[in-house]
């Protein structure tokens, strides 16, 4: 199972999985964009 998630959710997910007996996982910091398409940098608003 491979998940791409909000960083703010990782500890809650780790604890919830631990509660159902899943203790082994690999966690990696990543960057990306999908439907969210990132955001426009406020410094670049003149070029939007």
ModelCIF file with pLDDT and N, C-alpha, C, O atoms, coordinates in Angstrom:
data_MODEL
#
_entry.id   MODEL 
#
_entity.id                         1 
_entity.type                       polymer 
_entity.pdbx_number_of_molecules   1 
#
_entity_poly.entity_id                      1 
_entity_poly.type                           'polypeptide(L)' 
_entity_poly.nstd_linkage                   no 
_entity_poly.nstd_monomer                   no 
_entity_poly.pdbx_seq_one_letter_code       
;(UNK)(UNK)(UNK)(UNK)(UNK)(UNK)(UNK)(UNK)(UNK)(UNK)(UNK)(UNK)(UNK)(UNK)(UNK)(UNK)
(UNK)(UNK)(UNK)(UNK)(UNK)(UNK)(UNK)(UNK)(UNK)(UNK)(UNK)(UNK)(UNK)(UNK)(UNK)(UNK)
(UNK)(UNK)(UNK)(UNK)(UNK)(UNK)(UNK)(UNK)(UNK)(UNK)(UNK)(UNK)(UNK)(UNK)(UNK)(UNK)
;
_entity_poly.pdbx_seq_one_letter_code_can   XXXXXXXXXXXXXXXXXXXXXXXXXXXXXXXXXXXXXXXXXXXXXXXX 
_entity_poly.pdbx_strand_id                 A 
#
loop_
_entity_poly_seq.entity_id 
_entity_poly_seq.num 
_entity_poly_seq.mon_id 
_entity_poly_seq.hetero 
1 1  UNK n 
1 2  UNK n 
1 3  UNK n 
1 4  UNK n 
1 5  UNK n 
1 6  UNK n 
1 7  UNK n 
1 8  UNK n 
1 9  UNK n 
1 10 UNK n 
1 11 UNK n 
1 12 UNK n 
1 13 UNK n 
1 14 UNK n 
1 15 UNK n 
1 16 UNK n 
1 17 UNK n 
1 18 UNK n 
1 19 UNK n 
1 20 UNK n 
1 21 UNK n 
1 22 UNK n 
1 23 UNK n 
1 24 UNK n 
1 25 UNK n 
1 26 UNK n 
1 27 UNK n 
1 28 UNK n 
1 29 UNK n 
1 30 UNK n 
1 31 UNK n 
1 32 UNK n 
1 33 UNK n 
1 34 UNK n 
1 35 UNK n 
1 36 UNK n 
1 37 UNK n 
1 38 UNK n 
1 39 UNK n 
1 40 UNK n 
1 41 UNK n 
1 42 UNK n 
1 43 UNK n 
1 44 UNK n 
1 45 UNK n 
1 46 UNK n 
1 47 UNK n 
1 48 UNK n 
#
_struct_asym.id          A 
_struct_asym.entity_id   1 
#
loop_
_ma_qa_metric.id 
_ma_qa_metric.mode 
_ma_qa_metric.name 
_ma_qa_metric.software_group_id 
_ma_qa_metric.type 
1 global pLDDT . pLDDT 
2 local  pLDDT . pLDDT 
#
_ma_qa_metric_global.metric_id      1 
_ma_qa_metric_global.metric_value   83.29 
_ma_qa_metric_global.model_id       1 
_ma_qa_metric_global.ordinal_id     1 
#
loop_
_ma_qa_metric_local.label_asym_id 
_ma_qa_metric_local.label_comp_id 
_ma_qa_metric_local.label_seq_id 
_ma_qa_metric_local.metric_id 
_ma_qa_metric_local.metric_value 
_ma_qa_metric_local.model_id 
_ma_qa_metric_local.ordinal_id 
A UNK 1  2 98.00 1 1  
A UNK 2  2 98.00 1 2  
A UNK 3  2 97.00 1 3  
A UNK 4  2 96.00 1 4  
A UNK 5  2 96.00 1 5  
A UNK 6  2 94.00 1 6  
A UNK 7  2 95.00 1 7  
A UNK 8  2 95.00 1 8  
A UNK 9  2 96.00 1 9  
A UNK 10 2 96.00 1 10 
A UNK 11 2 96.00 1 11 
A UNK 12 2 97.00 1 12 
A UNK 13 2 97.00 1 13 
A UNK 14 2 96.00 1 14 
A UNK 15 2 97.00 1 15 
A UNK 16 2 98.00 1 16 
A UNK 17 2 97.00 1 17 
A UNK 18 2 97.00 1 18 
A UNK 19 2 97.00 1 19 
A UNK 20 2 97.00 1 20 
A UNK 21 2 95.00 1 21 
A UNK 22 2 96.00 1 22 
A UNK 23 2 92.00 1 23 
A UNK 24 2 93.00 1 24 
A UNK 25 2 97.00 1 25 
A UNK 26 2 97.00 1 26 
A UNK 27 2 97.00 1 27 
A UNK 28 2 97.00 1 28 
A UNK 29 2 96.00 1 29 
A UNK 30 2 93.00 1 30 
A UNK 31 2 87.00 1 31 
A UNK 32 2 84.00 1 32 
A UNK 33 2 79.00 1 33 
A UNK 34 2 76.00 1 34 
A UNK 35 2 69.00 1 35 
A UNK 36 2 60.00 1 36 
A UNK 37 2 60.00 1 37 
A UNK 38 2 57.00 1 38 
A UNK 39 2 55.00 1 39 
A UNK 40 2 55.00 1 40 
A UNK 41 2 54.00 1 41 
A UNK 42 2 54.00 1 42 
A UNK 43 2 55.00 1 43 
A UNK 44 2 53.00 1 44 
A UNK 45 2 53.00 1 45 
A UNK 46 2 58.00 1 46 
A UNK 47 2 54.00 1 47 
A UNK 48 2 52.00 1 48 
#
loop_
_atom_site.group_PDB 
_atom_site.id 
_atom_site.type_symbol 
_atom_site.label_atom_id 
_atom_site.label_alt_id 
_atom_site.label_comp_id 
_atom_site.label_asym_id 
_atom_site.label_entity_id 
_atom_site.label_seq_id 
_atom_site.pdbx_PDB_ins_code 
_atom_site.Cartn_x 
_atom_site.Cartn_y 
_atom_site.Cartn_z 
_atom_site.occupancy 
_atom_site.B_iso_or_equiv 
_atom_site.pdbx_formal_charge 
_atom_site.auth_seq_id 
_atom_site.auth_comp_id 
_atom_site.auth_asym_id 
_atom_site.auth_atom_id 
_atom_site.pdbx_PDB_model_num 
ATOM 1   N N  . UNK A 1 1  ? 0.872  -1.175 0.000   1.00 98.00 ? 1  UNK A N  1 
ATOM 2   C CA . UNK A 1 1  ? 0.000  0.000  0.000   1.00 98.00 ? 1  UNK A CA 1 
ATOM 3   C C  . UNK A 1 1  ? 0.907  1.222  0.000   1.00 98.00 ? 1  UNK A C  1 
ATOM 4   O O  . UNK A 1 1  ? 1.774  1.370  0.861   1.00 98.00 ? 1  UNK A O  1 
ATOM 5   N N  . UNK A 1 2  ? 0.694  2.088  -0.973  1.00 98.00 ? 2  UNK A N  1 
ATOM 6   C CA . UNK A 1 2  ? 1.486  3.307  -1.119  1.00 98.00 ? 2  UNK A CA 1 
ATOM 7   C C  . UNK A 1 2  ? 0.517  4.488  -1.086  1.00 98.00 ? 2  UNK A C  1 
ATOM 8   O O  . UNK A 1 2  ? -0.445 4.528  -1.853  1.00 98.00 ? 2  UNK A O  1 
ATOM 9   N N  . UNK A 1 3  ? 0.768  5.435  -0.211  1.00 97.00 ? 3  UNK A N  1 
ATOM 10  C CA . UNK A 1 3  ? -0.124 6.580  -0.047  1.00 97.00 ? 3  UNK A CA 1 
ATOM 11  C C  . UNK A 1 3  ? 0.656  7.876  -0.217  1.00 97.00 ? 3  UNK A C  1 
ATOM 12  O O  . UNK A 1 3  ? 1.795  7.994  0.233   1.00 97.00 ? 3  UNK A O  1 
ATOM 13  N N  . UNK A 1 4  ? 0.032  8.838  -0.867  1.00 96.00 ? 4  UNK A N  1 
ATOM 14  C CA . UNK A 1 4  ? 0.553  10.191 -0.931  1.00 96.00 ? 4  UNK A CA 1 
ATOM 15  C C  . UNK A 1 4  ? -0.439 11.034 -0.137  1.00 96.00 ? 4  UNK A C  1 
ATOM 16  O O  . UNK A 1 4  ? -1.605 11.144 -0.514  1.00 96.00 ? 4  UNK A O  1 
ATOM 17  N N  . UNK A 1 5  ? 0.025  11.629 0.965   1.00 96.00 ? 5  UNK A N  1 
ATOM 18  C CA . UNK A 1 5  ? -0.871 12.251 1.929   1.00 96.00 ? 5  UNK A CA 1 
ATOM 19  C C  . UNK A 1 5  ? -0.408 13.642 2.342   1.00 96.00 ? 5  UNK A C  1 
ATOM 20  O O  . UNK A 1 5  ? 0.715  14.058 2.056   1.00 96.00 ? 5  UNK A O  1 
ATOM 21  N N  . UNK A 1 6  ? -1.306 14.344 3.020   1.00 94.00 ? 6  UNK A N  1 
ATOM 22  C CA . UNK A 1 6  ? -0.944 15.620 3.634   1.00 94.00 ? 6  UNK A CA 1 
ATOM 23  C C  . UNK A 1 6  ? 0.039  15.343 4.774   1.00 94.00 ? 6  UNK A C  1 
ATOM 24  O O  . UNK A 1 6  ? -0.198 14.444 5.580   1.00 94.00 ? 6  UNK A O  1 
ATOM 25  N N  . UNK A 1 7  ? 1.130  16.094 4.853   1.00 95.00 ? 7  UNK A N  1 
ATOM 26  C CA . UNK A 1 7  ? 2.086  15.880 5.941   1.00 95.00 ? 7  UNK A CA 1 
ATOM 27  C C  . UNK A 1 7  ? 1.460  16.009 7.329   1.00 95.00 ? 7  UNK A C  1 
ATOM 28  O O  . UNK A 1 7  ? 1.896  15.340 8.265   1.00 95.00 ? 7  UNK A O  1 
ATOM 29  N N  . UNK A 1 8  ? 0.471  16.838 7.467   1.00 95.00 ? 8  UNK A N  1 
ATOM 30  C CA . UNK A 1 8  ? -0.154 17.056 8.775   1.00 95.00 ? 8  UNK A CA 1 
ATOM 31  C C  . UNK A 1 8  ? -0.915 15.838 9.290   1.00 95.00 ? 8  UNK A C  1 
ATOM 32  O O  . UNK A 1 8  ? -1.278 15.789 10.465  1.00 95.00 ? 8  UNK A O  1 
ATOM 33  N N  . UNK A 1 9  ? -1.159 14.862 8.430   1.00 96.00 ? 9  UNK A N  1 
ATOM 34  C CA . UNK A 1 9  ? -1.935 13.683 8.811   1.00 96.00 ? 9  UNK A CA 1 
ATOM 35  C C  . UNK A 1 9  ? -1.092 12.475 9.211   1.00 96.00 ? 9  UNK A C  1 
ATOM 36  O O  . UNK A 1 9  ? -1.641 11.483 9.689   1.00 96.00 ? 9  UNK A O  1 
ATOM 37  N N  . UNK A 1 10 ? 0.223  12.532 9.029   1.00 96.00 ? 10 UNK A N  1 
ATOM 38  C CA . UNK A 1 10 ? 1.034  11.324 9.160   1.00 96.00 ? 10 UNK A CA 1 
ATOM 39  C C  . UNK A 1 10 ? 1.027  10.737 10.571  1.00 96.00 ? 10 UNK A C  1 
ATOM 40  O O  . UNK A 1 10 ? 0.912  9.521  10.720  1.00 96.00 ? 10 UNK A O  1 
ATOM 41  N N  . UNK A 1 11 ? 1.145  11.559 11.600  1.00 96.00 ? 11 UNK A N  1 
ATOM 42  C CA . UNK A 1 11 ? 1.170  11.001 12.954  1.00 96.00 ? 11 UNK A CA 1 
ATOM 43  C C  . UNK A 1 11 ? -0.162 10.379 13.327  1.00 96.00 ? 11 UNK A C  1 
ATOM 44  O O  . UNK A 1 11 ? -0.198 9.334  13.977  1.00 96.00 ? 11 UNK A O  1 
ATOM 45  N N  . UNK A 1 12 ? -1.246 11.000 12.929  1.00 97.00 ? 12 UNK A N  1 
ATOM 46  C CA . UNK A 1 12 ? -2.576 10.452 13.201  1.00 97.00 ? 12 UNK A CA 1 
ATOM 47  C C  . UNK A 1 12 ? -2.771 9.127  12.465  1.00 97.00 ? 12 UNK A C  1 
ATOM 48  O O  . UNK A 1 12 ? -3.343 8.186  13.016  1.00 97.00 ? 12 UNK A O  1 
ATOM 49  N N  . UNK A 1 13 ? -2.299 9.054  11.236  1.00 97.00 ? 13 UNK A N  1 
ATOM 50  C CA . UNK A 1 13 ? -2.405 7.815  10.454  1.00 97.00 ? 13 UNK A CA 1 
ATOM 51  C C  . UNK A 1 13 ? -1.527 6.729  11.070  1.00 97.00 ? 13 UNK A C  1 
ATOM 52  O O  . UNK A 1 13 ? -1.958 5.582  11.191  1.00 97.00 ? 13 UNK A O  1 
ATOM 53  N N  . UNK A 1 14 ? -0.304 7.074  11.459  1.00 96.00 ? 14 UNK A N  1 
ATOM 54  C CA . UNK A 1 14 ? 0.596  6.100  12.102  1.00 96.00 ? 14 UNK A CA 1 
ATOM 55  C C  . UNK A 1 14 ? -0.057 5.521  13.353  1.00 96.00 ? 14 UNK A C  1 
ATOM 56  O O  . UNK A 1 14 ? -0.030 4.307  13.558  1.00 96.00 ? 14 UNK A O  1 
ATOM 57  N N  . UNK A 1 15 ? -0.635 6.368  14.180  1.00 97.00 ? 15 UNK A N  1 
ATOM 58  C CA . UNK A 1 15 ? -1.283 5.904  15.403  1.00 97.00 ? 15 UNK A CA 1 
ATOM 59  C C  . UNK A 1 15 ? -2.505 5.037  15.114  1.00 97.00 ? 15 UNK A C  1 
ATOM 60  O O  . UNK A 1 15 ? -2.705 4.016  15.771  1.00 97.00 ? 15 UNK A O  1 
ATOM 61  N N  . UNK A 1 16 ? -3.327 5.434  14.136  1.00 98.00 ? 16 UNK A N  1 
ATOM 62  C CA . UNK A 1 16 ? -4.521 4.658  13.784  1.00 98.00 ? 16 UNK A CA 1 
ATOM 63  C C  . UNK A 1 16 ? -4.140 3.291  13.232  1.00 98.00 ? 16 UNK A C  1 
ATOM 64  O O  . UNK A 1 16 ? -4.784 2.291  13.550  1.00 98.00 ? 16 UNK A O  1 
ATOM 65  N N  . UNK A 1 17 ? -3.095 3.241  12.405  1.00 97.00 ? 17 UNK A N  1 
ATOM 66  C CA . UNK A 1 17 ? -2.637 1.949  11.869  1.00 97.00 ? 17 UNK A CA 1 
ATOM 67  C C  . UNK A 1 17 ? -2.049 1.086  12.978  1.00 97.00 ? 17 UNK A C  1 
ATOM 68  O O  . UNK A 1 17 ? -2.245 -0.129 12.980  1.00 97.00 ? 17 UNK A O  1 
ATOM 69  N N  . UNK A 1 18 ? -1.333 1.691  13.916  1.00 97.00 ? 18 UNK A N  1 
ATOM 70  C CA . UNK A 1 18 ? -0.805 0.951  15.057  1.00 97.00 ? 18 UNK A CA 1 
ATOM 71  C C  . UNK A 1 18 ? -1.918 0.313  15.877  1.00 97.00 ? 18 UNK A C  1 
ATOM 72  O O  . UNK A 1 18 ? -1.765 -0.791 16.401  1.00 97.00 ? 18 UNK A O  1 
ATOM 73  N N  . UNK A 1 19 ? -3.046 1.025  15.983  1.00 97.00 ? 19 UNK A N  1 
ATOM 74  C CA . UNK A 1 19 ? -4.197 0.505  16.734  1.00 97.00 ? 19 UNK A CA 1 
ATOM 75  C C  . UNK A 1 19 ? -4.810 -0.736 16.100  1.00 97.00 ? 19 UNK A C  1 
ATOM 76  O O  . UNK A 1 19 ? -5.463 -1.522 16.786  1.00 97.00 ? 19 UNK A O  1 
ATOM 77  N N  . UNK A 1 20 ? -4.606 -0.922 14.785  1.00 97.00 ? 20 UNK A N  1 
ATOM 78  C CA . UNK A 1 20 ? -5.146 -2.116 14.124  1.00 97.00 ? 20 UNK A CA 1 
ATOM 79  C C  . UNK A 1 20 ? -4.040 -3.142 13.849  1.00 97.00 ? 20 UNK A C  1 
ATOM 80  O O  . UNK A 1 20 ? -4.252 -4.116 13.128  1.00 97.00 ? 20 UNK A O  1 
ATOM 81  N N  . UNK A 1 21 ? -2.854 -2.911 14.434  1.00 95.00 ? 21 UNK A N  1 
ATOM 82  C CA . UNK A 1 21 ? -1.788 -3.902 14.347  1.00 95.00 ? 21 UNK A CA 1 
ATOM 83  C C  . UNK A 1 21 ? -0.784 -3.710 13.232  1.00 95.00 ? 21 UNK A C  1 
ATOM 84  O O  . UNK A 1 21 ? 0.032  -4.598 12.987  1.00 95.00 ? 21 UNK A O  1 
ATOM 85  N N  . UNK A 1 22 ? -0.818 -2.574 12.545  1.00 96.00 ? 22 UNK A N  1 
ATOM 86  C CA . UNK A 1 22 ? 0.157  -2.303 11.486  1.00 96.00 ? 22 UNK A CA 1 
ATOM 87  C C  . UNK A 1 22 ? 1.214  -1.375 12.062  1.00 96.00 ? 22 UNK A C  1 
ATOM 88  O O  . UNK A 1 22 ? 0.929  -0.223 12.390  1.00 96.00 ? 22 UNK A O  1 
ATOM 89  N N  . UNK A 1 23 ? 2.444  -1.887 12.185  1.00 92.00 ? 23 UNK A N  1 
ATOM 90  C CA . UNK A 1 23 ? 3.505  -1.098 12.803  1.00 92.00 ? 23 UNK A CA 1 
ATOM 91  C C  . UNK A 1 23 ? 4.651  -0.793 11.844  1.00 92.00 ? 23 UNK A C  1 
ATOM 92  O O  . UNK A 1 23 ? 5.394  0.161  12.070  1.00 92.00 ? 23 UNK A O  1 
ATOM 93  N N  . UNK A 1 24 ? 4.813  -1.572 10.786  1.00 93.00 ? 24 UNK A N  1 
ATOM 94  C CA . UNK A 1 24 ? 5.906  -1.364 9.849   1.00 93.00 ? 24 UNK A CA 1 
ATOM 95  C C  . UNK A 1 24 ? 5.477  -0.501 8.678   1.00 93.00 ? 24 UNK A C  1 
ATOM 96  O O  . UNK A 1 24 ? 4.487  -0.792 8.007   1.00 93.00 ? 24 UNK A O  1 
ATOM 97  N N  . UNK A 1 25 ? 6.224  0.554  8.438   1.00 97.00 ? 25 UNK A N  1 
ATOM 98  C CA . UNK A 1 25 ? 5.949  1.427  7.297   1.00 97.00 ? 25 UNK A CA 1 
ATOM 99  C C  . UNK A 1 25 ? 7.193  2.230  6.992   1.00 97.00 ? 25 UNK A C  1 
ATOM 100 O O  . UNK A 1 25 ? 8.072  2.389  7.839   1.00 97.00 ? 25 UNK A O  1 
ATOM 101 N N  . UNK A 1 26 ? 7.259  2.728  5.786   1.00 97.00 ? 26 UNK A N  1 
ATOM 102 C CA . UNK A 1 26 ? 8.319  3.637  5.372   1.00 97.00 ? 26 UNK A CA 1 
ATOM 103 C C  . UNK A 1 26 ? 7.671  4.965  5.053   1.00 97.00 ? 26 UNK A C  1 
ATOM 104 O O  . UNK A 1 26 ? 6.678  5.016  4.327   1.00 97.00 ? 26 UNK A O  1 
ATOM 105 N N  . UNK A 1 27 ? 8.221  6.041  5.589   1.00 97.00 ? 27 UNK A N  1 
ATOM 106 C CA . UNK A 1 27 ? 7.660  7.378  5.389   1.00 97.00 ? 27 UNK A CA 1 
ATOM 107 C C  . UNK A 1 27 ? 8.725  8.246  4.735   1.00 97.00 ? 27 UNK A C  1 
ATOM 108 O O  . UNK A 1 27 ? 9.862  8.312  5.202   1.00 97.00 ? 27 UNK A O  1 
ATOM 109 N N  . UNK A 1 28 ? 8.342  8.912  3.646   1.00 97.00 ? 28 UNK A N  1 
ATOM 110 C CA . UNK A 1 28 ? 9.261  9.742  2.877   1.00 97.00 ? 28 UNK A CA 1 
ATOM 111 C C  . UNK A 1 28 ? 8.642  11.111 2.646   1.00 97.00 ? 28 UNK A C  1 
ATOM 112 O O  . UNK A 1 28 ? 7.465  11.209 2.300   1.00 97.00 ? 28 UNK A O  1 
ATOM 113 N N  . UNK A 1 29 ? 9.418  12.159 2.831   1.00 96.00 ? 29 UNK A N  1 
ATOM 114 C CA . UNK A 1 29 ? 8.951  13.490 2.466   1.00 96.00 ? 29 UNK A CA 1 
ATOM 115 C C  . UNK A 1 29 ? 8.990  13.594 0.946   1.00 96.00 ? 29 UNK A C  1 
ATOM 116 O O  . UNK A 1 29 ? 9.929  13.125 0.303   1.00 96.00 ? 29 UNK A O  1 
ATOM 117 N N  . UNK A 1 30 ? 7.955  14.218 0.381   1.00 93.00 ? 30 UNK A N  1 
ATOM 118 C CA . UNK A 1 30 ? 7.877  14.344 -1.074  1.00 93.00 ? 30 UNK A CA 1 
ATOM 119 C C  . UNK A 1 30 ? 7.299  15.709 -1.426  1.00 93.00 ? 30 UNK A C  1 
ATOM 120 O O  . UNK A 1 30 ? 6.764  16.407 -0.565  1.00 93.00 ? 30 UNK A O  1 
ATOM 121 N N  . UNK A 1 31 ? 7.410  16.082 -2.689  1.00 87.00 ? 31 UNK A N  1 
ATOM 122 C CA . UNK A 1 31 ? 6.716  17.254 -3.204  1.00 87.00 ? 31 UNK A CA 1 
ATOM 123 C C  . UNK A 1 31 ? 6.009  16.841 -4.481  1.00 87.00 ? 31 UNK A C  1 
ATOM 124 O O  . UNK A 1 31 ? 6.475  15.950 -5.191  1.00 87.00 ? 31 UNK A O  1 
ATOM 125 N N  . UNK A 1 32 ? 4.888  17.482 -4.779  1.00 84.00 ? 32 UNK A N  1 
ATOM 126 C CA . UNK A 1 32 ? 4.171  17.144 -5.988  1.00 84.00 ? 32 UNK A CA 1 
ATOM 127 C C  . UNK A 1 32 ? 2.934  17.995 -6.159  1.00 84.00 ? 32 UNK A C  1 
ATOM 128 O O  . UNK A 1 32 ? 2.632  18.863 -5.339  1.00 84.00 ? 32 UNK A O  1 
ATOM 129 N N  . UNK A 1 33 ? 2.226  17.727 -7.244  1.00 79.00 ? 33 UNK A N  1 
ATOM 130 C CA . UNK A 1 33 ? 0.958  18.397 -7.485  1.00 79.00 ? 33 UNK A CA 1 
ATOM 131 C C  . UNK A 1 33 ? 0.072  17.466 -8.292  1.00 79.00 ? 33 UNK A C  1 
ATOM 132 O O  . UNK A 1 33 ? 0.554  16.627 -9.054  1.00 79.00 ? 33 UNK A O  1 
ATOM 133 N N  . UNK A 1 34 ? -1.214 17.626 -8.113  1.00 76.00 ? 34 UNK A N  1 
ATOM 134 C CA . UNK A 1 34 ? -2.205 16.835 -8.829  1.00 76.00 ? 34 UNK A CA 1 
ATOM 135 C C  . UNK A 1 34 ? -3.332 17.758 -9.221  1.00 76.00 ? 34 UNK A C  1 
ATOM 136 O O  . UNK A 1 34 ? -3.093 18.795 -9.839  1.00 76.00 ? 34 UNK A O  1 
ATOM 137 N N  . UNK A 1 35 ? -4.565 17.402 -8.873  1.00 69.00 ? 35 UNK A N  1 
ATOM 138 C CA . UNK A 1 35 ? -5.704 18.267 -9.155  1.00 69.00 ? 35 UNK A CA 1 
ATOM 139 C C  . UNK A 1 35 ? -5.547 19.621 -8.489  1.00 69.00 ? 35 UNK A C  1 
ATOM 140 O O  . UNK A 1 35 ? -6.046 20.633 -8.981  1.00 69.00 ? 35 UNK A O  1 
ATOM 141 N N  . UNK A 1 36 ? -4.853 19.625 -7.372  1.00 60.00 ? 36 UNK A N  1 
ATOM 142 C CA . UNK A 1 36 ? -4.631 20.847 -6.618  1.00 60.00 ? 36 UNK A CA 1 
ATOM 143 C C  . UNK A 1 36 ? -3.836 21.855 -7.446  1.00 60.00 ? 36 UNK A C  1 
ATOM 144 O O  . UNK A 1 36 ? -4.000 23.064 -7.285  1.00 60.00 ? 36 UNK A O  1 
ATOM 145 N N  . UNK A 1 37 ? -2.983 21.356 -8.324  1.00 60.00 ? 37 UNK A N  1 
ATOM 146 C CA . UNK A 1 37 ? -2.157 22.148 -9.232  1.00 60.00 ? 37 UNK A CA 1 
ATOM 147 C C  . UNK A 1 37 ? -1.277 23.161 -8.514  1.00 60.00 ? 37 UNK A C  1 
ATOM 148 O O  . UNK A 1 37 ? -0.927 24.196 -9.079  1.00 60.00 ? 37 UNK A O  1 
ATOM 149 N N  . UNK A 1 38 ? -0.924 22.867 -7.282  1.00 57.00 ? 38 UNK A N  1 
ATOM 150 C CA . UNK A 1 38 ? -0.050 23.775 -6.552  1.00 57.00 ? 38 UNK A CA 1 
ATOM 151 C C  . UNK A 1 38 ? -0.735 25.091 -6.284  1.00 57.00 ? 38 UNK A C  1 
ATOM 152 O O  . UNK A 1 38 ? -1.958 25.145 -6.149  1.00 57.00 ? 38 UNK A O  1 
ATOM 153 N N  . UNK A 1 39 ? 0.031  26.137 -6.208  1.00 55.00 ? 39 UNK A N  1 
ATOM 154 C CA . UNK A 1 39 ? -0.536 27.463 -6.009  1.00 55.00 ? 39 UNK A CA 1 
ATOM 155 C C  . UNK A 1 39 ? 0.360  28.481 -6.684  1.00 55.00 ? 39 UNK A C  1 
ATOM 156 O O  . UNK A 1 39 ? 1.525  28.206 -6.972  1.00 55.00 ? 39 UNK A O  1 
ATOM 157 N N  . UNK A 1 40 ? -0.194 29.666 -6.937  1.00 55.00 ? 40 UNK A N  1 
ATOM 158 C CA . UNK A 1 40 ? 0.584  30.739 -7.559  1.00 55.00 ? 40 UNK A CA 1 
ATOM 159 C C  . UNK A 1 40 ? 1.340  31.465 -6.468  1.00 55.00 ? 40 UNK A C  1 
ATOM 160 O O  . UNK A 1 40 ? 0.753  31.881 -5.468  1.00 55.00 ? 40 UNK A O  1 
ATOM 161 N N  . UNK A 1 41 ? 2.624  31.618 -6.654  1.00 54.00 ? 41 UNK A N  1 
ATOM 162 C CA . UNK A 1 41 ? 3.462  32.332 -5.712  1.00 54.00 ? 41 UNK A CA 1 
ATOM 163 C C  . UNK A 1 41 ? 3.021  33.795 -5.672  1.00 54.00 ? 41 UNK A C  1 
ATOM 164 O O  . UNK A 1 41 ? 2.933  34.430 -6.723  1.00 54.00 ? 41 UNK A O  1 
ATOM 165 N N  . UNK A 1 42 ? 2.742  34.343 -4.495  1.00 54.00 ? 42 UNK A N  1 
ATOM 166 C CA . UNK A 1 42 ? 2.297  35.742 -4.414  1.00 54.00 ? 42 UNK A CA 1 
ATOM 167 C C  . UNK A 1 42 ? 3.257  36.715 -5.079  1.00 54.00 ? 42 UNK A C  1 
ATOM 168 O O  . UNK A 1 42 ? 2.833  37.769 -5.553  1.00 54.00 ? 42 UNK A O  1 
ATOM 169 N N  . UNK A 1 43 ? 4.557  36.380 -5.125  1.00 55.00 ? 43 UNK A N  1 
ATOM 170 C CA . UNK A 1 43 ? 5.532  37.253 -5.778  1.00 55.00 ? 43 UNK A CA 1 
ATOM 171 C C  . UNK A 1 43 ? 5.385  37.254 -7.293  1.00 55.00 ? 43 UNK A C  1 
ATOM 172 O O  . UNK A 1 43 ? 5.916  38.135 -7.969  1.00 55.00 ? 43 UNK A O  1 
ATOM 173 N N  . UNK A 1 44 ? 4.662  36.262 -7.834  1.00 53.00 ? 44 UNK A N  1 
ATOM 174 C CA . UNK A 1 44 ? 4.507  36.150 -9.286  1.00 53.00 ? 44 UNK A CA 1 
ATOM 175 C C  . UNK A 1 44 ? 3.109  36.534 -9.758  1.00 53.00 ? 44 UNK A C  1 
ATOM 176 O O  . UNK A 1 44 ? 2.755  36.256 -10.904 1.00 53.00 ? 44 UNK A O  1 
ATOM 177 N N  . UNK A 1 45 ? 2.313  37.162 -8.911  1.00 53.00 ? 45 UNK A N  1 
ATOM 178 C CA . UNK A 1 45 ? 0.942  37.481 -9.291  1.00 53.00 ? 45 UNK A CA 1 
ATOM 179 C C  . UNK A 1 45 ? 0.873  38.392 -10.515 1.00 53.00 ? 45 UNK A C  1 
ATOM 180 O O  . UNK A 1 45 ? -0.086 38.318 -11.283 1.00 53.00 ? 45 UNK A O  1 
ATOM 181 N N  . UNK A 1 46 ? 1.883  39.254 -10.708 1.00 58.00 ? 46 UNK A N  1 
ATOM 182 C CA . UNK A 1 46 ? 1.849  40.139 -11.875 1.00 58.00 ? 46 UNK A CA 1 
ATOM 183 C C  . UNK A 1 46 ? 1.978  39.360 -13.177 1.00 58.00 ? 46 UNK A C  1 
ATOM 184 O O  . UNK A 1 46 ? 1.615  39.874 -14.234 1.00 58.00 ? 46 UNK A O  1 
ATOM 185 N N  . UNK A 1 47 ? 2.494  38.116 -13.125 1.00 54.00 ? 47 UNK A N  1 
ATOM 186 C CA . UNK A 1 47 ? 2.678  37.307 -14.333 1.00 54.00 ? 47 UNK A CA 1 
ATOM 187 C C  . UNK A 1 47 ? 1.610  36.232 -14.487 1.00 54.00 ? 47 UNK A C  1 
ATOM 188 O O  . UNK A 1 47 ? 1.721  35.392 -15.380 1.00 54.00 ? 47 UNK A O  1 
ATOM 189 N N  . UNK A 1 48 ? 0.579  36.231 -13.646 1.00 52.00 ? 48 UNK A N  1 
ATOM 190 C CA . UNK A 1 48 ? -0.377 35.129 -13.621 1.00 52.00 ? 48 UNK A CA 1 
ATOM 191 C C  . UNK A 1 48 ? -1.071 34.911 -14.961 1.00 52.00 ? 48 UNK A C  1 
ATOM 192 O O  . UNK A 1 48 ? -1.905 34.014 -15.086 1.00 52.00 ? 48 UNK A O  1 
#
